[in-house]
Amino acid sequence: MRVLRVELGVDLANIRSVLHTVLTGDHSGTLPEMEFLARKLRAAGVDAVAARP
């Protein structure tokens, strides 16, 4: 959740809903944006992959 808060600028009140969208695959953006986020998550020890729908 720390990576999402820092990289997406999400406050504590909204982080759980953002986390849910990321975990269910509903979070969207350009492929480079999603790859950047996935790299940050992997660096934090989270198994993350950016993929096209």
C-alpha atoms as a PDB file:
ATOM      1  CA  MET A   1       0.000   0.000   0.000  1.00  0.00           C
ATOM      2  CA  ARG A   2       2.942   2.307   0.637  1.00  0.00           C
ATOM      3  CA  VAL A   3       4.060   2.080  -3.006  1.00  0.00           C
ATOM      4  CA  LEU A   4       0.558   2.878  -4.250  1.00  0.00           C
ATOM      5  CA  ARG A   5       0.252   5.825  -1.880  1.00  0.00           C
ATOM      6  CA  VAL A   6       3.586   7.287  -2.959  1.00  0.00           C
ATOM      7  CA  GLU A   7       3.365   6.605  -6.695  1.00  0.00           C
ATOM      8  CA  LEU A   8      -0.324   7.380  -7.190  1.00  0.00           C
ATOM      9  CA  GLY A   9      -0.658  10.129  -4.600  1.00  0.00           C
ATOM     10  CA  VAL A  10      -3.527   8.394  -2.815  1.00  0.00           C
ATOM     11  CA  ASP A  11      -4.438   9.381   0.736  1.00  0.00           C
ATOM     12  CA  LEU A  12      -5.065   6.942   3.564  1.00  0.00           C
ATOM     13  CA  ALA A  13      -8.848   7.307   3.266  1.00  0.00           C
ATOM     14  CA  ASN A  14      -8.876   6.019  -0.331  1.00  0.00           C
ATOM     15  CA  ILE A  15      -5.997   3.552  -0.449  1.00  0.00           C
ATOM     16  CA  ARG A  16      -8.101   0.435   0.198  1.00  0.00           C
ATOM     17  CA  SER A  17     -10.353   1.099  -2.793  1.00  0.00           C
ATOM     18  CA  VAL A  18      -7.318   1.726  -5.020  1.00  0.00           C
ATOM     19  CA  LEU A  19      -5.676  -1.439  -3.709  1.00  0.00           C
ATOM     20  CA  HIS A  20      -8.846  -3.375  -4.577  1.00  0.00           C
ATOM     21  CA  THR A  21      -8.818  -2.055  -8.172  1.00  0.00           C
ATOM     22  CA  VAL A  22      -5.147  -2.979  -8.554  1.00  0.00           C
ATOM     23  CA  LEU A  23      -5.611  -6.475  -7.129  1.00  0.00           C
ATOM     24  CA  THR A  24      -8.662  -7.217  -9.294  1.00  0.00           C
ATOM     25  CA  GLY A  25      -6.947  -5.950 -12.448  1.00  0.00           C
ATOM     26  CA  ASP A  26      -9.347  -3.040 -12.870  1.00  0.00           C
ATOM     27  CA  HIS A  27      -6.722  -0.311 -12.399  1.00  0.00           C
ATOM     28  CA  SER A  28      -5.900   1.133 -15.789  1.00  0.00           C
ATOM     29  CA  GLY A  29      -3.508   3.493 -17.491  1.00  0.00           C
ATOM     30  CA  THR A  30      -1.137   3.530 -20.396  1.00  0.00           C
ATOM     31  CA  LEU A  31       1.145   0.524 -20.733  1.00  0.00           C
ATOM     32  CA  PRO A  32       4.240   2.576 -19.784  1.00  0.00           C
ATOM     33  CA  GLU A  33       2.440   3.897 -16.672  1.00  0.00           C
ATOM     34  CA  MET A  34       1.387   0.427 -15.622  1.00  0.00           C
ATOM     35  CA  GLU A  35       4.863  -1.002 -16.262  1.00  0.00           C
ATOM     36  CA  PHE A  36       6.384   1.790 -14.153  1.00  0.00           C
ATOM     37  CA  LEU A  37       3.970   0.972 -11.318  1.00  0.00           C
ATOM     38  CA  ALA A  38       4.610  -2.770 -11.688  1.00  0.00           C
ATOM     39  CA  ARG A  39       8.375  -2.185 -11.457  1.00  0.00           C
ATOM     40  CA  LYS A  40       7.933  -0.153  -8.268  1.00  0.00           C
ATOM     41  CA  LEU A  41       5.754  -2.896  -6.796  1.00  0.00           C
ATOM     42  CA  ARG A  42       8.262  -5.610  -7.759  1.00  0.00           C
ATOM     43  CA  ALA A  43      11.056  -3.593  -6.143  1.00  0.00           C
ATOM     44  CA  ALA A  44       8.970  -3.594  -2.959  1.00  0.00           C
ATOM     45  CA  GLY A  45       8.627  -7.393  -3.120  1.00  0.00           C
ATOM     46  CA  VAL A  46       5.185  -7.602  -4.725  1.00  0.00           C
ATOM     47  CA  ASP A  47       4.712  -9.945  -7.685  1.00  0.00           C
ATOM     48  CA  ALA A  48       3.257  -7.520 -10.266  1.00  0.00           C
ATOM     49  CA  VAL A  49       2.872  -7.620 -14.040  1.00  0.00           C
ATOM     50  CA  ALA A  50       1.647  -4.954 -16.437  1.00  0.00           C
ATOM     51  CA  ALA A  51      -0.566  -6.475 -19.124  1.00  0.00           C
ATOM     52  CA  ARG A  52      -2.937  -5.372 -21.820  1.00  0.00           C
ATOM     53  CA  PRO A  53      -6.580  -6.357 -21.303  1.00  0.00           C
END
